[in-house]
N, C-alpha and C. Protein backbone atom coordinates (compact mmCIF):
# COMPACT_ATOMS: atom_id res chain seq x y z
N MET A 1 -15.01 -12.51 -21.57
CA MET A 1 -14.89 -11.34 -20.72
C MET A 1 -14.66 -11.80 -19.29
N ARG A 2 -13.68 -11.21 -18.62
CA ARG A 2 -13.36 -11.55 -17.25
C ARG A 2 -14.09 -10.60 -16.31
N LEU A 3 -14.78 -11.16 -15.34
CA LEU A 3 -15.46 -10.34 -14.35
C LEU A 3 -14.52 -10.01 -13.22
N VAL A 4 -14.73 -8.85 -12.62
CA VAL A 4 -13.93 -8.40 -11.49
C VAL A 4 -14.79 -8.54 -10.24
N LYS A 5 -14.24 -9.22 -9.25
CA LYS A 5 -14.93 -9.40 -7.98
C LYS A 5 -14.22 -8.54 -6.94
N ILE A 6 -14.95 -7.59 -6.34
CA ILE A 6 -14.36 -6.66 -5.37
C ILE A 6 -14.82 -7.03 -3.97
N GLY A 7 -13.85 -7.12 -3.06
CA GLY A 7 -14.14 -7.37 -1.66
C GLY A 7 -13.86 -6.12 -0.86
N ILE A 8 -14.85 -5.63 -0.13
CA ILE A 8 -14.69 -4.44 0.70
C ILE A 8 -14.72 -4.87 2.16
N ALA A 9 -13.62 -4.60 2.86
CA ALA A 9 -13.48 -5.07 4.25
C ALA A 9 -13.87 -3.98 5.24
N SER A 10 -14.57 -4.40 6.25
CA SER A 10 -14.86 -3.56 7.41
C SER A 10 -14.13 -4.20 8.58
N VAL A 11 -13.08 -3.55 9.06
CA VAL A 11 -12.20 -4.13 10.06
C VAL A 11 -12.34 -3.37 11.37
N ASN A 12 -12.57 -4.11 12.45
CA ASN A 12 -12.63 -3.52 13.78
C ASN A 12 -11.20 -3.46 14.31
N THR A 13 -10.57 -2.29 14.19
CA THR A 13 -9.18 -2.12 14.59
C THR A 13 -9.06 -1.54 15.98
N THR A 14 -7.86 -1.63 16.53
CA THR A 14 -7.52 -1.03 17.81
C THR A 14 -6.39 -0.05 17.58
N VAL A 15 -6.53 1.17 18.05
CA VAL A 15 -5.51 2.20 17.85
C VAL A 15 -4.19 1.74 18.44
N GLY A 16 -3.15 1.73 17.62
CA GLY A 16 -1.81 1.39 18.05
C GLY A 16 -1.49 -0.09 18.14
N ALA A 17 -2.45 -0.96 17.87
CA ALA A 17 -2.21 -2.41 17.92
C ALA A 17 -1.82 -2.90 16.54
N PHE A 18 -0.64 -2.49 16.09
CA PHE A 18 -0.21 -2.72 14.71
C PHE A 18 -0.25 -4.20 14.33
N GLN A 19 0.35 -5.04 15.14
CA GLN A 19 0.43 -6.47 14.82
C GLN A 19 -0.95 -7.12 14.82
N GLN A 20 -1.75 -6.83 15.83
CA GLN A 20 -3.08 -7.42 15.91
C GLN A 20 -3.97 -6.93 14.76
N ASN A 21 -3.87 -5.66 14.42
CA ASN A 21 -4.65 -5.14 13.29
C ASN A 21 -4.23 -5.82 11.99
N THR A 22 -2.92 -6.00 11.81
CA THR A 22 -2.43 -6.68 10.60
C THR A 22 -2.90 -8.12 10.58
N ASP A 23 -2.91 -8.79 11.73
CA ASP A 23 -3.42 -10.16 11.80
C ASP A 23 -4.87 -10.22 11.34
N ARG A 24 -5.69 -9.26 11.76
CA ARG A 24 -7.10 -9.22 11.32
C ARG A 24 -7.20 -9.03 9.81
N VAL A 25 -6.37 -8.11 9.29
CA VAL A 25 -6.39 -7.83 7.86
C VAL A 25 -5.93 -9.06 7.07
N LEU A 26 -4.89 -9.73 7.57
CA LEU A 26 -4.42 -10.94 6.89
C LEU A 26 -5.49 -12.02 6.87
N GLU A 27 -6.21 -12.18 7.95
CA GLU A 27 -7.29 -13.17 7.99
C GLU A 27 -8.35 -12.86 6.94
N MET A 28 -8.72 -11.58 6.84
CA MET A 28 -9.72 -11.19 5.84
C MET A 28 -9.16 -11.35 4.42
N ALA A 29 -7.87 -11.06 4.24
CA ALA A 29 -7.25 -11.20 2.92
C ALA A 29 -7.25 -12.66 2.48
N ARG A 30 -6.97 -13.55 3.40
CA ARG A 30 -6.98 -14.98 3.06
C ARG A 30 -8.38 -15.42 2.64
N LYS A 31 -9.39 -14.93 3.34
CA LYS A 31 -10.77 -15.27 2.99
C LYS A 31 -11.12 -14.72 1.61
N MET A 32 -10.68 -13.49 1.33
CA MET A 32 -10.95 -12.90 0.01
C MET A 32 -10.28 -13.73 -1.08
N ALA A 33 -9.04 -14.12 -0.86
CA ALA A 33 -8.32 -14.91 -1.86
C ALA A 33 -9.01 -16.25 -2.08
N ALA A 34 -9.48 -16.86 -1.00
CA ALA A 34 -10.17 -18.16 -1.11
C ALA A 34 -11.46 -18.04 -1.88
N GLU A 35 -12.06 -16.84 -1.87
CA GLU A 35 -13.32 -16.60 -2.59
C GLU A 35 -13.08 -15.99 -3.97
N ASP A 36 -11.84 -16.04 -4.44
CA ASP A 36 -11.47 -15.54 -5.77
C ASP A 36 -11.79 -14.06 -5.98
N VAL A 37 -11.60 -13.27 -4.94
CA VAL A 37 -11.77 -11.82 -5.05
C VAL A 37 -10.63 -11.27 -5.90
N THR A 38 -10.95 -10.39 -6.83
CA THR A 38 -9.94 -9.79 -7.71
C THR A 38 -9.25 -8.62 -7.02
N LEU A 39 -10.03 -7.78 -6.35
CA LEU A 39 -9.51 -6.58 -5.68
C LEU A 39 -10.08 -6.52 -4.27
N GLY A 40 -9.21 -6.58 -3.27
CA GLY A 40 -9.62 -6.48 -1.87
C GLY A 40 -9.29 -5.10 -1.34
N VAL A 41 -10.28 -4.42 -0.79
CA VAL A 41 -10.11 -3.03 -0.35
C VAL A 41 -10.29 -2.96 1.16
N PHE A 42 -9.29 -2.35 1.82
CA PHE A 42 -9.32 -2.17 3.27
C PHE A 42 -9.37 -0.69 3.60
N PRO A 43 -9.86 -0.33 4.79
CA PRO A 43 -9.98 1.08 5.17
C PRO A 43 -8.62 1.78 5.31
N GLU A 44 -8.67 3.10 5.21
CA GLU A 44 -7.46 3.87 5.46
C GLU A 44 -7.05 3.69 6.92
N GLN A 45 -5.78 3.72 7.16
CA GLN A 45 -5.20 3.57 8.49
C GLN A 45 -5.59 2.26 9.18
N VAL A 46 -5.82 1.22 8.40
CA VAL A 46 -6.26 -0.06 8.96
C VAL A 46 -5.17 -0.71 9.82
N ILE A 47 -3.93 -0.50 9.49
CA ILE A 47 -2.85 -1.09 10.28
C ILE A 47 -2.67 -0.34 11.60
N ALA A 48 -2.79 0.96 11.58
CA ALA A 48 -2.59 1.76 12.80
C ALA A 48 -3.84 1.87 13.67
N GLY A 49 -5.00 1.76 13.07
CA GLY A 49 -6.24 1.91 13.83
C GLY A 49 -6.84 3.30 13.75
N TYR A 50 -6.32 4.15 12.92
CA TYR A 50 -6.83 5.47 12.58
C TYR A 50 -6.92 6.50 13.72
N PRO A 51 -5.82 6.91 14.25
CA PRO A 51 -5.81 8.03 15.20
C PRO A 51 -5.18 9.26 14.56
N ALA A 52 -5.95 10.15 14.06
CA ALA A 52 -5.40 11.31 13.34
C ALA A 52 -4.40 12.10 14.19
N GLU A 53 -4.66 12.28 15.46
CA GLU A 53 -3.76 13.06 16.30
C GLU A 53 -2.39 12.40 16.43
N ASP A 54 -2.34 11.07 16.41
CA ASP A 54 -1.06 10.39 16.51
C ASP A 54 -0.22 10.57 15.25
N LEU A 55 -0.88 10.71 14.12
CA LEU A 55 -0.16 10.95 12.88
C LEU A 55 0.59 12.27 12.94
N VAL A 56 0.00 13.23 13.59
CA VAL A 56 0.58 14.56 13.67
C VAL A 56 1.67 14.62 14.74
N GLN A 57 1.47 13.94 15.86
CA GLN A 57 2.33 14.12 17.01
C GLN A 57 3.51 13.16 17.10
N TRP A 58 3.37 11.93 16.65
CA TRP A 58 4.41 10.93 16.91
C TRP A 58 4.88 10.26 15.64
N GLN A 59 6.12 10.54 15.27
CA GLN A 59 6.72 9.90 14.09
C GLN A 59 6.80 8.39 14.28
N GLY A 60 7.06 7.93 15.49
CA GLY A 60 7.17 6.50 15.75
C GLY A 60 5.90 5.75 15.40
N PHE A 61 4.78 6.42 15.52
CA PHE A 61 3.50 5.79 15.19
C PHE A 61 3.45 5.44 13.71
N ILE A 62 3.97 6.32 12.88
CA ILE A 62 4.03 6.06 11.44
C ILE A 62 5.06 4.97 11.16
N ASP A 63 6.21 5.05 11.83
CA ASP A 63 7.29 4.09 11.59
C ASP A 63 6.87 2.66 11.89
N HIS A 64 5.99 2.45 12.85
CA HIS A 64 5.56 1.09 13.21
C HIS A 64 4.66 0.45 12.14
N GLN A 65 4.09 1.25 11.27
CA GLN A 65 3.19 0.71 10.25
C GLN A 65 3.94 0.00 9.13
N TRP A 66 5.11 0.49 8.77
CA TRP A 66 5.81 -0.04 7.61
C TRP A 66 6.17 -1.52 7.74
N PRO A 67 6.76 -1.96 8.88
CA PRO A 67 7.07 -3.39 8.99
C PRO A 67 5.82 -4.28 8.90
N GLU A 68 4.71 -3.81 9.41
CA GLU A 68 3.47 -4.59 9.33
C GLU A 68 2.94 -4.63 7.90
N LEU A 69 3.09 -3.54 7.17
CA LEU A 69 2.69 -3.54 5.76
C LEU A 69 3.57 -4.51 4.97
N GLU A 70 4.87 -4.54 5.27
CA GLU A 70 5.76 -5.50 4.62
C GLU A 70 5.38 -6.93 4.95
N ARG A 71 5.01 -7.18 6.21
CA ARG A 71 4.58 -8.52 6.61
C ARG A 71 3.31 -8.92 5.84
N PHE A 72 2.37 -7.99 5.73
CA PHE A 72 1.15 -8.25 4.96
C PHE A 72 1.51 -8.59 3.52
N ALA A 73 2.38 -7.80 2.92
CA ALA A 73 2.76 -8.01 1.52
C ALA A 73 3.40 -9.38 1.32
N LYS A 74 4.30 -9.77 2.22
CA LYS A 74 4.97 -11.07 2.10
C LYS A 74 3.98 -12.22 2.23
N GLN A 75 3.04 -12.09 3.16
CA GLN A 75 2.11 -13.20 3.41
C GLN A 75 0.99 -13.29 2.38
N THR A 76 0.81 -12.25 1.59
CA THR A 76 -0.23 -12.30 0.57
C THR A 76 0.35 -12.30 -0.85
N ALA A 77 1.65 -12.38 -0.98
CA ALA A 77 2.31 -12.30 -2.29
C ALA A 77 1.85 -13.40 -3.25
N ALA A 78 1.51 -14.55 -2.74
CA ALA A 78 1.09 -15.65 -3.60
C ALA A 78 -0.38 -15.59 -4.00
N HIS A 79 -1.14 -14.69 -3.38
CA HIS A 79 -2.57 -14.57 -3.71
C HIS A 79 -2.74 -13.96 -5.09
N ALA A 80 -3.77 -14.39 -5.77
CA ALA A 80 -4.12 -13.79 -7.06
C ALA A 80 -4.85 -12.46 -6.86
N THR A 81 -5.29 -12.20 -5.65
CA THR A 81 -6.02 -10.98 -5.31
C THR A 81 -5.05 -9.81 -5.17
N VAL A 82 -5.48 -8.63 -5.63
CA VAL A 82 -4.74 -7.39 -5.42
C VAL A 82 -5.41 -6.69 -4.25
N TYR A 83 -4.60 -6.20 -3.28
CA TYR A 83 -5.15 -5.56 -2.09
C TYR A 83 -4.78 -4.09 -2.02
N ILE A 84 -5.71 -3.29 -1.52
CA ILE A 84 -5.46 -1.89 -1.21
C ILE A 84 -5.56 -1.76 0.30
N VAL A 85 -4.44 -1.38 0.93
CA VAL A 85 -4.37 -1.30 2.39
C VAL A 85 -3.95 0.11 2.77
N GLY A 86 -4.72 0.76 3.63
CA GLY A 86 -4.42 2.13 4.01
C GLY A 86 -3.41 2.22 5.14
N VAL A 87 -2.39 3.04 4.94
CA VAL A 87 -1.37 3.31 5.96
C VAL A 87 -0.95 4.77 5.86
N ALA A 88 -0.17 5.20 6.82
CA ALA A 88 0.45 6.52 6.75
C ALA A 88 1.93 6.34 6.50
N VAL A 89 2.51 7.27 5.76
CA VAL A 89 3.95 7.25 5.51
C VAL A 89 4.49 8.65 5.71
N ALA A 90 5.77 8.72 5.98
CA ALA A 90 6.46 10.01 6.07
C ALA A 90 7.52 10.05 4.98
N HIS A 91 7.54 11.14 4.25
CA HIS A 91 8.52 11.30 3.19
C HIS A 91 8.99 12.75 3.18
N GLN A 92 10.28 12.95 3.35
CA GLN A 92 10.88 14.29 3.35
C GLN A 92 10.17 15.21 4.34
N GLY A 93 9.88 14.67 5.52
CA GLY A 93 9.27 15.48 6.57
C GLY A 93 7.77 15.71 6.45
N VAL A 94 7.17 15.12 5.43
CA VAL A 94 5.72 15.28 5.23
C VAL A 94 5.05 13.95 5.56
N ARG A 95 3.97 14.00 6.35
CA ARG A 95 3.22 12.80 6.70
C ARG A 95 2.02 12.68 5.79
N LEU A 96 1.88 11.51 5.19
CA LEU A 96 0.82 11.30 4.21
C LEU A 96 -0.02 10.09 4.58
N ASN A 97 -1.33 10.21 4.41
CA ASN A 97 -2.26 9.12 4.59
C ASN A 97 -2.49 8.55 3.20
N CYS A 98 -2.09 7.29 2.99
CA CYS A 98 -2.16 6.76 1.62
C CYS A 98 -2.51 5.28 1.63
N ALA A 99 -2.67 4.72 0.46
CA ALA A 99 -2.95 3.28 0.29
C ALA A 99 -1.87 2.68 -0.57
């Protein structure tokens, strides 16, 4: 029987600091992978820093999250750990908070 090891991250983010927030998440992801974590879970809006009003008012705020999510995915692709990372996306004019 294979055991599942879950890592739950508490990340001190800065609103709008997409690159720095992703750097923090990547650092934690590397630590989780080194500790053989099976599933690494990060907070919602971890890349953006969680400003609900910005999700409503500025499309650019959502657009800045996608490249950082792609960077995270590329840098963790070789890890055996599966990660859940919260971001916002826009699809057909609807803004969604998702993982």
